[in-house]
Amino acid sequence: MLDKVTRDIPSGLARGVKQVIKGAETSDGAGVNLTRYIASPELDMFDPFLLLDAFRSDNPDDYIAGFPPHPHRGFETVTYLLEGNMRHKDSAGHEGLIRSGGVQWMTAGSGIEHSEMPEQEQGLLYGFQLWVNLPASQKMATPRYQEFEPVEIPIEKRLGGVDIKVIAGMTLEGTCGAVTDIAAAPIYFDVTIPAETKFHEIIPQGHNAFVYVIEGPLYIHGENRTTAVASNSMALLDNGERLELSSDDTARFLLIAGRPFNEPVARYGPFVMNSEEEIQQAFSDYRSGHFGHIKK
């Protein structure tokens, strides 16, 4: 019997699926194998989201070389690990460890050089990296980090056995995420639902939103159609005010949404600005060592 959770069901237009992204196999860093969903042949960007990578392997040859020192300017990187550990270091002397279940939200702003290296020589490494744009007014902000251990990230438990790990944003029932003060006003939820349960959530009107299916399939119920989305696939959602989905079996997914900036985007590798002139300035500043300092 579906719909074990019936209280607090939001009203408004239900978001359906406008495109399912299968992802493209690629490599990055020093040869880390991954699947790219945004910044791929299927989807260039999804304002304010610039890139989404998923990496999963228990073969150290796929990940051991990691991501040696590289620069960023003009956007934010979000690293979320389901399994494994990743050591982070940067040119301003900051160092941290992202543990299994933990998250790091780095606002690169005016610029930082950092590395991300697996803190393991065997076992499963499984996680995601999301790039979130910054508006023109914040592209040259002082770089900063928000880093959280697994136990610091709120988990909302709903009727019927629904669990929501709230990384950013606020849920229908009022649980606020660990990450705050982000220009895109994002939602970033890691949701697990039992078999034969419907899930309902509010998504701010005007936000671009997608669902990434970790364990599925999921059925996303729009106003006029229901779409099945398989595991390891990403579903771009239509406009609307709420999300309704279900699954025949226990399922897990990421729900991610953000406010688009609707600004010109100029990008080259690790730099994302509003014009080609600003990209050239980023290269010049990086070569001369004029990147910002870090605050936490």
C-alpha atoms as a PDB file:
ATOM      1  CA  MET A   1       0.000   0.000   0.000  1.00  0.00           C
ATOM      2  CA  LEU A   2       1.493   3.338  -1.055  1.00  0.00           C
ATOM      3  CA  ASP A   3       1.388   6.631   0.817  1.00  0.00           C
ATOM      4  CA  LYS A   4       2.199   5.635   4.394  1.00  0.00           C
ATOM      5  CA  VAL A   5       3.137   9.312   5.002  1.00  0.00           C
ATOM      6  CA  THR A   6      -0.006  11.406   4.603  1.00  0.00           C
ATOM      7  CA  ARG A   7       0.424  14.399   6.929  1.00  0.00           C
ATOM      8  CA  ASP A   8       1.747  17.770   5.829  1.00  0.00           C
ATOM      9  CA  ILE A   9       1.330  17.035   2.122  1.00  0.00           C
ATOM     10  CA  PRO A  10       2.115  20.302   0.331  1.00  0.00           C
ATOM     11  CA  SER A  11      -0.189  21.805  -2.264  1.00  0.00           C
ATOM     12  CA  GLY A  12       0.761  23.465  -5.542  1.00  0.00           C
ATOM     13  CA  LEU A  13       2.064  22.297  -8.891  1.00  0.00           C
ATOM     14  CA  ALA A  14       3.938  18.968  -8.727  1.00  0.00           C
ATOM     15  CA  ARG A  15       7.241  18.925 -10.577  1.00  0.00           C
ATOM     16  CA  GLY A  16       7.553  16.293 -13.258  1.00  0.00           C
ATOM     17  CA  VAL A  17      10.672  15.121 -15.077  1.00  0.00           C
ATOM     18  CA  LYS A  18      11.788  17.070 -18.133  1.00  0.00           C
ATOM     19  CA  GLN A  19      14.988  15.102 -18.829  1.00  0.00           C
ATOM     20  CA  VAL A  20      16.793  12.031 -17.516  1.00  0.00           C
ATOM     21  CA  ILE A  21      20.599  12.226 -17.621  1.00  0.00           C
ATOM     22  CA  LYS A  22      22.523   8.948 -17.774  1.00  0.00           C
ATOM     23  CA  GLY A  23      25.958  10.540 -17.340  1.00  0.00           C
ATOM     24  CA  ALA A  24      29.214  10.217 -19.247  1.00  0.00           C
ATOM     25  CA  GLU A  25      32.176   8.125 -18.135  1.00  0.00           C
ATOM     26  CA  THR A  26      35.308  10.269 -17.858  1.00  0.00           C
ATOM     27  CA  SER A  27      38.347  10.934 -15.668  1.00  0.00           C
ATOM     28  CA  ASP A  28      39.669  13.973 -13.862  1.00  0.00           C
ATOM     29  CA  GLY A  29      42.464  15.000 -11.538  1.00  0.00           C
ATOM     30  CA  ALA A  30      45.346  12.552 -11.858  1.00  0.00           C
ATOM     31  CA  GLY A  31      43.181   9.990 -13.645  1.00  0.00           C
ATOM     32  CA  VAL A  32      40.302   9.426 -11.204  1.00  0.00           C
ATOM     33  CA  ASN A  33      37.492   7.553 -12.969  1.00  0.00           C
ATOM     34  CA  LEU A  34      34.057   9.112 -12.524  1.00  0.00           C
ATOM     35  CA  THR A  35      30.671   9.705 -14.157  1.00  0.00           C
ATOM     36  CA  ARG A  36      29.831  13.282 -15.141  1.00  0.00           C
ATOM     37  CA  TYR A  37      26.203  14.389 -15.238  1.00  0.00           C
ATOM     38  CA  ILE A  38      26.459  18.188 -15.462  1.00  0.00           C
ATOM     39  CA  ALA A  39      29.166  19.658 -17.723  1.00  0.00           C
ATOM     40  CA  SER A  40      28.656  16.584 -19.897  1.00  0.00           C
ATOM     41  CA  PRO A  41      27.589  16.097 -23.533  1.00  0.00           C
ATOM     42  CA  GLU A  42      24.015  15.653 -22.262  1.00  0.00           C
ATOM     43  CA  LEU A  43      23.895  18.787 -20.087  1.00  0.00           C
ATOM     44  CA  ASP A  44      26.279  21.740 -20.168  1.00  0.00           C
ATOM     45  CA  MET A  45      24.979  23.460 -17.018  1.00  0.00           C
ATOM     46  CA  PHE A  46      21.784  23.806 -14.991  1.00  0.00           C
ATOM     47  CA  ASP A  47      21.934  27.294 -13.480  1.00  0.00           C
ATOM     48  CA  PRO A  48      23.295  27.683 -10.791  1.00  0.00           C
ATOM     49  CA  PHE A  49      24.851  24.203 -11.072  1.00  0.00           C
ATOM     50  CA  LEU A  50      27.993  23.991 -13.199  1.00  0.00           C
ATOM     51  CA  LEU A  51      29.126  20.382 -12.702  1.00  0.00           C
ATOM     52  CA  LEU A  52      28.076  17.164 -11.014  1.00  0.00           C
ATOM     53  CA  ASP A  53      30.429  14.185 -10.771  1.00  0.00           C
ATOM     54  CA  ALA A  54      29.785  10.831  -9.124  1.00  0.00           C
ATOM     55  CA  PHE A  55      32.725   8.593  -8.269  1.00  0.00           C
ATOM     56  CA  ARG A  56      32.435   5.043  -6.961  1.00  0.00           C
ATOM     57  CA  SER A  57      35.058   2.311  -6.968  1.00  0.00           C
ATOM     58  CA  ASP A  58      36.633  -0.277  -4.682  1.00  0.00           C
ATOM     59  CA  ASN A  59      39.614  -0.511  -7.039  1.00  0.00           C
ATOM     60  CA  PRO A  60      42.401   1.786  -5.730  1.00  0.00           C
ATOM     61  CA  ASP A  61      43.774   2.136  -9.263  1.00  0.00           C
ATOM     62  CA  ASP A  62      40.616   4.136 -10.065  1.00  0.00           C
ATOM     63  CA  TYR A  63      41.095   6.750  -7.355  1.00  0.00           C
ATOM     64  CA  ILE A  64      44.436   6.535  -5.539  1.00  0.00           C
ATOM     65  CA  ALA A  65      46.085   9.333  -7.574  1.00  0.00           C
ATOM     66  CA  GLY A  66      43.382  11.733  -6.397  1.00  0.00           C
ATOM     67  CA  PHE A  67      43.188  15.402  -7.330  1.00  0.00           C
ATOM     68  CA  PRO A  68      46.642  17.053  -6.928  1.00  0.00           C
ATOM     69  CA  PRO A  69      46.890  20.848  -6.369  1.00  0.00           C
ATOM     70  CA  HIS A  70      44.648  22.851  -8.694  1.00  0.00           C
ATOM     71  CA  PRO A  71      43.078  26.340  -8.544  1.00  0.00           C
ATOM     72  CA  HIS A  72      39.469  27.568  -8.399  1.00  0.00           C
ATOM     73  CA  ARG A  73      37.895  31.004  -8.702  1.00  0.00           C
ATOM     74  CA  GLY A  74      34.362  32.338  -8.977  1.00  0.00           C
ATOM     75  CA  PHE A  75      32.221  29.419  -7.718  1.00  0.00           C
ATOM     76  CA  GLU A  76      31.733  26.837  -4.948  1.00  0.00           C
ATOM     77  CA  THR A  77      32.688  23.167  -4.750  1.00  0.00           C
ATOM     78  CA  VAL A  78      30.662  20.711  -2.677  1.00  0.00           C
ATOM     79  CA  THR A  79      32.236  17.353  -1.822  1.00  0.00           C
ATOM     80  CA  TYR A  80      29.929  14.788  -0.196  1.00  0.00           C
ATOM     81  CA  LEU A  81      31.228  11.303   0.654  1.00  0.00           C
ATOM     82  CA  LEU A  82      29.025   8.269   1.155  1.00  0.00           C
ATOM     83  CA  GLU A  83      32.011   5.974   1.696  1.00  0.00           C
ATOM     84  CA  GLY A  84      35.729   6.576   2.195  1.00  0.00           C
ATOM     85  CA  ASN A  85      37.899   9.466   3.359  1.00  0.00           C
ATOM     86  CA  MET A  86      39.413  12.401   1.451  1.00  0.00           C
ATOM     87  CA  ARG A  87      42.256  14.633   2.697  1.00  0.00           C
ATOM     88  CA  HIS A  88      42.055  18.284   1.672  1.00  0.00           C
ATOM     89  CA  LYS A  89      44.928  20.808   1.724  1.00  0.00           C
ATOM     90  CA  ASP A  90      45.206  24.307   0.276  1.00  0.00           C
ATOM     91  CA  SER A  91      47.686  27.060  -0.474  1.00  0.00           C
ATOM     92  CA  ALA A  92      46.539  29.146   2.508  1.00  0.00           C
ATOM     93  CA  GLY A  93      47.571  26.448   4.988  1.00  0.00           C
ATOM     94  CA  HIS A  94      44.126  24.981   5.628  1.00  0.00           C
ATOM     95  CA  GLU A  95      43.871  21.196   5.936  1.00  0.00           C
ATOM     96  CA  GLY A  96      40.951  18.897   6.694  1.00  0.00           C
ATOM     97  CA  LEU A  97      39.617  15.377   6.348  1.00  0.00           C
ATOM     98  CA  ILE A  98      36.251  14.671   4.719  1.00  0.00           C
ATOM     99  CA  ARG A  99      35.057  11.418   6.286  1.00  0.00           C
ATOM    100  CA  SER A 100      32.470   8.909   5.127  1.00  0.00           C
ATOM    101  CA  GLY A 101      29.121  10.679   5.486  1.00  0.00           C
ATOM    102  CA  GLY A 102      30.715  14.132   5.800  1.00  0.00           C
ATOM    103  CA  VAL A 103      30.534  17.175   3.581  1.00  0.00           C
ATOM    104  CA  GLN A 104      32.751  20.112   2.627  1.00  0.00           C
ATOM    105  CA  TRP A 105      31.232  23.207   1.018  1.00  0.00           C
ATOM    106  CA  MET A 106      34.071  25.400  -0.243  1.00  0.00           C
ATOM    107  CA  THR A 107      33.411  28.906  -1.506  1.00  0.00           C
ATOM    108  CA  ALA A 108      36.405  29.533  -3.760  1.00  0.00           C
ATOM    109  CA  GLY A 109      35.492  33.184  -4.334  1.00  0.00           C
ATOM    110  CA  SER A 110      38.515  35.244  -5.338  1.00  0.00           C
ATOM    111  CA  GLY A 111      40.674  32.138  -5.612  1.00  0.00           C
ATOM    112  CA  ILE A 112      42.374  29.254  -3.862  1.00  0.00           C
ATOM    113  CA  GLU A 113      44.634  26.382  -4.865  1.00  0.00           C
ATOM    114  CA  HIS A 114      43.849  23.077  -3.185  1.00  0.00           C
ATOM    115  CA  SER A 115      44.262  19.315  -3.434  1.00  0.00           C
ATOM    116  CA  GLU A 116      41.910  16.445  -2.613  1.00  0.00           C
ATOM    117  CA  MET A 117      43.606  13.103  -2.029  1.00  0.00           C
ATOM    118  CA  PRO A 118      42.048   9.803  -0.871  1.00  0.00           C
ATOM    119  CA  GLU A 119      43.052   8.976   2.703  1.00  0.00           C
ATOM    120  CA  GLN A 120      42.920   5.246   1.988  1.00  0.00           C
ATOM    121  CA  GLU A 121      44.801   2.707  -0.083  1.00  0.00           C
ATOM    122  CA  GLN A 122      41.990   0.180  -0.359  1.00  0.00           C
ATOM    123  CA  GLY A 123      38.249  -0.136   0.072  1.00  0.00           C
ATOM    124  CA  LEU A 124      35.258   1.660  -1.411  1.00  0.00           C
ATOM    125  CA  LEU A 125      35.455   5.350  -2.281  1.00  0.00           C
ATOM    126  CA  TYR A 126      31.996   6.690  -3.153  1.00  0.00           C
ATOM    127  CA  GLY A 127      30.869  10.281  -3.350  1.00  0.00           C
ATOM    128  CA  PHE A 128      29.871  13.335  -5.317  1.00  0.00           C
ATOM    129  CA  GLN A 129      31.295  16.682  -6.261  1.00  0.00           C
ATOM    130  CA  LEU A 130      28.932  19.485  -7.188  1.00  0.00           C
ATOM    131  CA  TRP A 131      29.991  22.901  -8.500  1.00  0.00           C
ATOM    132  CA  VAL A 132      27.649  25.788  -7.638  1.00  0.00           C
ATOM    133  CA  ASN A 133      28.009  29.159  -9.330  1.00  0.00           C
ATOM    134  CA  LEU A 134      28.398  32.454  -7.500  1.00  0.00           C
ATOM    135  CA  PRO A 135      26.694  35.685  -8.583  1.00  0.00           C
ATOM    136  CA  ALA A 136      28.879  38.458 -10.019  1.00  0.00           C
ATOM    137  CA  SER A 137      28.667  40.342  -6.710  1.00  0.00           C
ATOM    138  CA  GLN A 138      30.326  37.441  -4.832  1.00  0.00           C
ATOM    139  CA  LYS A 139      32.823  36.031  -7.325  1.00  0.00           C
ATOM    140  CA  MET A 140      35.688  37.923  -5.687  1.00  0.00           C
ATOM    141  CA  ALA A 141      34.616  37.230  -2.089  1.00  0.00           C
ATOM    142  CA  THR A 142      37.120  35.956   0.459  1.00  0.00           C
ATOM    143  CA  PRO A 143      37.371  32.144   0.131  1.00  0.00           C
ATOM    144  CA  ARG A 144      35.873  30.111   2.983  1.00  0.00           C
ATOM    145  CA  TYR A 145      34.930  26.587   4.021  1.00  0.00           C
ATOM    146  CA  GLN A 146      31.985  24.985   5.729  1.00  0.00           C
ATOM    147  CA  GLU A 147      33.025  21.464   6.777  1.00  0.00           C
ATOM    148  CA  PHE A 148      30.873  19.047   8.752  1.00  0.00           C
ATOM    149  CA  GLU A 149      31.447  15.626  10.247  1.00  0.00           C
ATOM    150  CA  PRO A 150      28.642  13.088   9.714  1.00  0.00           C
ATOM    151  CA  VAL A 151      27.342  13.541  13.268  1.00  0.00           C
ATOM    152  CA  GLU A 152      27.020  17.307  12.704  1.00  0.00           C
ATOM    153  CA  ILE A 153      24.589  16.983   9.801  1.00  0.00           C
ATOM    154  CA  PRO A 154      20.904  16.971  10.924  1.00  0.00           C
ATOM    155  CA  ILE A 155      18.804  13.928  10.114  1.00  0.00           C
ATOM    156  CA  GLU A 156      15.022  14.307   9.973  1.00  0.00           C
ATOM    157  CA  LYS A 157      13.007  11.156  10.675  1.00  0.00           C
ATOM    158  CA  ARG A 158       9.478  11.198   9.323  1.00  0.00           C
ATOM    159  CA  LEU A 159       6.496   8.944   9.809  1.00  0.00           C
ATOM    160  CA  GLY A 160       6.736   5.758   7.793  1.00  0.00           C
ATOM    161  CA  GLY A 161      10.520   5.427   8.113  1.00  0.00           C
ATOM    162  CA  VAL A 162      11.621   8.276   5.821  1.00  0.00           C
ATOM    163  CA  ASP A 163      15.089   9.616   6.710  1.00  0.00           C
ATOM    164  CA  ILE A 164      16.387  12.938   5.374  1.00  0.00           C
ATOM    165  CA  LYS A 165      20.000  13.972   5.866  1.00  0.00           C
ATOM    166  CA  VAL A 166      19.768  17.761   5.594  1.00  0.00           C
ATOM    167  CA  ILE A 167      23.015  19.180   4.229  1.00  0.00           C
ATOM    168  CA  ALA A 168      21.575  22.531   3.121  1.00  0.00           C
ATOM    169  CA  GLY A 169      18.148  24.159   3.010  1.00  0.00           C
ATOM    170  CA  MET A 170      15.017  23.568   5.073  1.00  0.00           C
ATOM    171  CA  THR A 171      12.626  20.628   4.857  1.00  0.00           C
ATOM    172  CA  LEU A 172       8.852  20.632   4.794  1.00  0.00           C
ATOM    173  CA  GLU A 173       8.893  19.814   8.520  1.00  0.00           C
ATOM    174  CA  GLY A 174      11.311  22.620   9.387  1.00  0.00           C
ATOM    175  CA  THR A 175      14.691  20.885   9.759  1.00  0.00           C
ATOM    176  CA  CYS A 176      17.489  23.260   8.695  1.00  0.00           C
ATOM    177  CA  GLY A 177      20.681  22.086   7.041  1.00  0.00           C
ATOM    178  CA  ALA A 178      24.231  22.296   8.349  1.00  0.00           C
ATOM    179  CA  VAL A 179      25.439  24.503   5.479  1.00  0.00           C
ATOM    180  CA  THR A 180      24.135  28.085   5.567  1.00  0.00           C
ATOM    181  CA  ASP A 181      24.589  31.526   3.964  1.00  0.00           C
ATOM    182  CA  ILE A 182      24.964  30.334   0.362  1.00  0.00           C
ATOM    183  CA  ALA A 183      24.039  32.744  -2.430  1.00  0.00           C
ATOM    184  CA  ALA A 184      22.038  30.171  -4.416  1.00  0.00           C
ATOM    185  CA  ALA A 185      19.796  29.411  -1.377  1.00  0.00           C
ATOM    186  CA  PRO A 186      20.263  25.688  -2.088  1.00  0.00           C
ATOM    187  CA  ILE A 187      18.518  22.534  -1.026  1.00  0.00           C
ATOM    188  CA  TYR A 188      20.792  19.501  -0.626  1.00  0.00           C
ATOM    189  CA  PHE A 189      19.020  16.494   0.919  1.00  0.00           C
ATOM    190  CA  ASP A 190      20.108  12.829   1.090  1.00  0.00           C
ATOM    191  CA  VAL A 191      16.804  10.944   1.382  1.00  0.00           C
ATOM    192  CA  THR A 192      16.045   7.289   2.131  1.00  0.00           C
ATOM    193  CA  ILE A 193      12.474   5.998   1.778  1.00  0.00           C
ATOM    194  CA  PRO A 194      11.123   2.532   2.618  1.00  0.00           C
ATOM    195  CA  ALA A 195       9.359   0.361   0.066  1.00  0.00           C
ATOM    196  CA  GLU A 196       5.870   1.449  -1.003  1.00  0.00           C
ATOM    197  CA  THR A 197       6.109   4.890   0.574  1.00  0.00           C
ATOM    198  CA  LYS A 198       5.357   8.233  -1.033  1.00  0.00           C
ATOM    199  CA  PHE A 199       7.687  11.149  -0.352  1.00  0.00           C
ATOM    200  CA  HIS A 200       6.550  14.776  -0.449  1.00  0.00           C
ATOM    201  CA  GLU A 201       8.699  17.889  -0.239  1.00  0.00           C
ATOM    202  CA  ILE A 202       8.439  21.592  -1.030  1.00  0.00           C
ATOM    203  CA  ILE A 203      10.895  23.051  -3.543  1.00  0.00           C
ATOM    204  CA  PRO A 204      11.078  26.865  -3.676  1.00  0.00           C
ATOM    205  CA  GLN A 205       9.306  28.196  -6.727  1.00  0.00           C
ATOM    206  CA  GLY A 206      11.811  29.398  -9.324  1.00  0.00           C
ATOM    207  CA  HIS A 207      14.611  27.117  -8.115  1.00  0.00           C
ATOM    208  CA  ASN A 208      16.123  24.720 -10.619  1.00  0.00           C
ATOM    209  CA  ALA A 209      15.987  21.233  -9.127  1.00  0.00           C
ATOM    210  CA  PHE A 210      17.117  17.684  -9.829  1.00  0.00           C
ATOM    211  CA  VAL A 211      17.044  14.249  -8.247  1.00  0.00           C
ATOM    212  CA  TYR A 212      20.021  11.885  -8.379  1.00  0.00           C
ATOM    213  CA  VAL A 213      19.016   8.254  -7.741  1.00  0.00           C
ATOM    214  CA  ILE A 214      21.514   6.381  -5.565  1.00  0.00           C
ATOM    215  CA  GLU A 215      19.282   3.307  -5.118  1.00  0.00           C
ATOM    216  CA  GLY A 216      16.144   2.960  -7.185  1.00  0.00           C
ATOM    217  CA  PRO A 217      14.211   2.985  -9.303  1.00  0.00           C
ATOM    218  CA  LEU A 218      12.129   5.973  -8.254  1.00  0.00           C
ATOM    219  CA  TYR A 219       8.794   7.088  -9.660  1.00  0.00           C
ATOM    220  CA  ILE A 220       8.436  10.862  -9.886  1.00  0.00           C
ATOM    221  CA  HIS A 221       4.799  11.937 -10.061  1.00  0.00           C
ATOM    222  CA  GLY A 222       4.282  15.130 -12.048  1.00  0.00           C
ATOM    223  CA  GLU A 223       0.954  16.800 -12.760  1.00  0.00           C
ATOM    224  CA  ASN A 224       0.318  14.870 -15.970  1.00  0.00           C
ATOM    225  CA  ARG A 225       2.723  11.944 -15.974  1.00  0.00           C
ATOM    226  CA  THR A 226       4.827   9.626 -13.821  1.00  0.00           C
ATOM    227  CA  THR A 227       8.440   8.961 -14.808  1.00  0.00           C
ATOM    228  CA  ALA A 228      10.576   6.016 -13.664  1.00  0.00           C
ATOM    229  CA  VAL A 229      14.206   6.948 -12.959  1.00  0.00           C
ATOM    230  CA  ALA A 230      16.789   4.176 -12.580  1.00  0.00           C
ATOM    231  CA  SER A 231      19.711   3.991 -10.154  1.00  0.00           C
ATOM    232  CA  ASN A 232      22.750   6.093 -11.071  1.00  0.00           C
ATOM    233  CA  SER A 233      20.587   8.429 -13.157  1.00  0.00           C
ATOM    234  CA  MET A 234      19.774  12.105 -12.691  1.00  0.00           C
ATOM    235  CA  ALA A 235      16.314  13.572 -13.317  1.00  0.00           C
ATOM    236  CA  LEU A 236      15.952  17.266 -14.144  1.00  0.00           C
ATOM    237  CA  LEU A 237      12.667  18.529 -12.758  1.00  0.00           C
ATOM    238  CA  ASP A 238      10.114  20.844 -14.344  1.00  0.00           C
ATOM    239  CA  ASN A 239       9.058  24.067 -12.672  1.00  0.00           C
ATOM    240  CA  GLY A 240       6.617  23.823  -9.792  1.00  0.00           C
ATOM    241  CA  GLU A 241       6.236  24.096  -6.036  1.00  0.00           C
ATOM    242  CA  ARG A 242       6.517  20.548  -4.747  1.00  0.00           C
ATOM    243  CA  LEU A 243       7.955  17.091  -5.348  1.00  0.00           C
ATOM    244  CA  GLU A 244       6.079  13.818  -5.058  1.00  0.00           C
ATOM    245  CA  LEU A 245       7.791  10.482  -5.627  1.00  0.00           C
ATOM    246  CA  SER A 246       7.620   6.843  -4.601  1.00  0.00           C
ATOM    247  CA  SER A 247       9.386   3.514  -4.965  1.00  0.00           C
ATOM    248  CA  ASP A 248       8.396  -0.145  -4.909  1.00  0.00           C
ATOM    249  CA  ASP A 249      11.500  -0.989  -2.848  1.00  0.00           C
ATOM    250  CA  THR A 250      13.717   0.853  -0.391  1.00  0.00           C
ATOM    251  CA  ALA A 251      15.261   3.753  -2.294  1.00  0.00           C
ATOM    252  CA  ARG A 252      17.837   6.473  -1.718  1.00  0.00           C
ATOM    253  CA  PHE A 253      18.359   9.702  -3.633  1.00  0.00           C
ATOM    254  CA  LEU A 254      19.792  13.193  -3.527  1.00  0.00           C
ATOM    255  CA  LEU A 255      17.366  16.110  -3.898  1.00  0.00           C
ATOM    256  CA  ILE A 256      19.271  19.223  -4.949  1.00  0.00           C
ATOM    257  CA  ALA A 257      17.875  22.627  -5.928  1.00  0.00           C
ATOM    258  CA  GLY A 258      19.154  26.185  -6.203  1.00  0.00           C
ATOM    259  CA  ARG A 259      18.164  29.670  -7.261  1.00  0.00           C
ATOM    260  CA  PRO A 260      19.417  30.489 -10.781  1.00  0.00           C
ATOM    261  CA  PHE A 261      21.392  33.704 -11.234  1.00  0.00           C
ATOM    262  CA  ASN A 262      20.544  34.253 -14.920  1.00  0.00           C
ATOM    263  CA  GLU A 263      23.920  35.933 -15.519  1.00  0.00           C
ATOM    264  CA  PRO A 264      26.473  35.481 -18.310  1.00  0.00           C
ATOM    265  CA  VAL A 265      28.819  32.558 -17.635  1.00  0.00           C
ATOM    266  CA  ALA A 266      32.402  32.472 -18.900  1.00  0.00           C
ATOM    267  CA  ARG A 267      34.404  29.456 -17.796  1.00  0.00           C
ATOM    268  CA  TYR A 268      37.700  27.865 -18.549  1.00  0.00           C
ATOM    269  CA  GLY A 269      38.704  24.818 -16.536  1.00  0.00           C
ATOM    270  CA  PRO A 270      38.818  25.796 -12.870  1.00  0.00           C
ATOM    271  CA  PHE A 271      37.708  29.420 -13.341  1.00  0.00           C
ATOM    272  CA  VAL A 272      34.070  30.534 -13.712  1.00  0.00           C
ATOM    273  CA  MET A 273      33.427  34.237 -14.215  1.00  0.00           C
ATOM    274  CA  ASN A 274      31.043  36.501 -16.169  1.00  0.00           C
ATOM    275  CA  SER A 275      33.324  37.534 -19.054  1.00  0.00           C
ATOM    276  CA  GLU A 276      36.360  36.375 -21.003  1.00  0.00           C
ATOM    277  CA  GLU A 277      38.294  39.381 -19.660  1.00  0.00           C
ATOM    278  CA  GLU A 278      37.683  38.156 -16.106  1.00  0.00           C
ATOM    279  CA  ILE A 279      38.892  34.677 -17.072  1.00  0.00           C
ATOM    280  CA  GLN A 280      42.140  36.150 -18.422  1.00  0.00           C
ATOM    281  CA  GLN A 281      42.507  38.162 -15.204  1.00  0.00           C
ATOM    282  CA  ALA A 282      42.048  34.958 -13.186  1.00  0.00           C
ATOM    283  CA  PHE A 283      44.916  33.289 -15.053  1.00  0.00           C
ATOM    284  CA  SER A 284      47.093  36.364 -14.546  1.00  0.00           C
ATOM    285  CA  ASP A 285      46.297  36.549 -10.827  1.00  0.00           C
ATOM    286  CA  TYR A 286      46.935  32.842 -10.354  1.00  0.00           C
ATOM    287  CA  ARG A 287      50.314  32.987 -12.078  1.00  0.00           C
ATOM    288  CA  SER A 288      51.332  35.967  -9.938  1.00  0.00           C
ATOM    289  CA  GLY A 289      50.110  34.373  -6.680  1.00  0.00           C
ATOM    290  CA  HIS A 290      47.366  36.926  -6.011  1.00  0.00           C
ATOM    291  CA  PHE A 291      44.665  34.544  -4.827  1.00  0.00           C
ATOM    292  CA  GLY A 292      42.684  35.149  -1.604  1.00  0.00           C
ATOM    293  CA  HIS A 293      43.110  33.844   1.907  1.00  0.00           C
ATOM    294  CA  ILE A 294      40.799  31.366   3.596  1.00  0.00           C
ATOM    295  CA  LYS A 295      38.369  31.872   6.435  1.00  0.00           C
ATOM    296  CA  LYS A 296      36.209  29.221   8.098  1.00  0.00           C
END
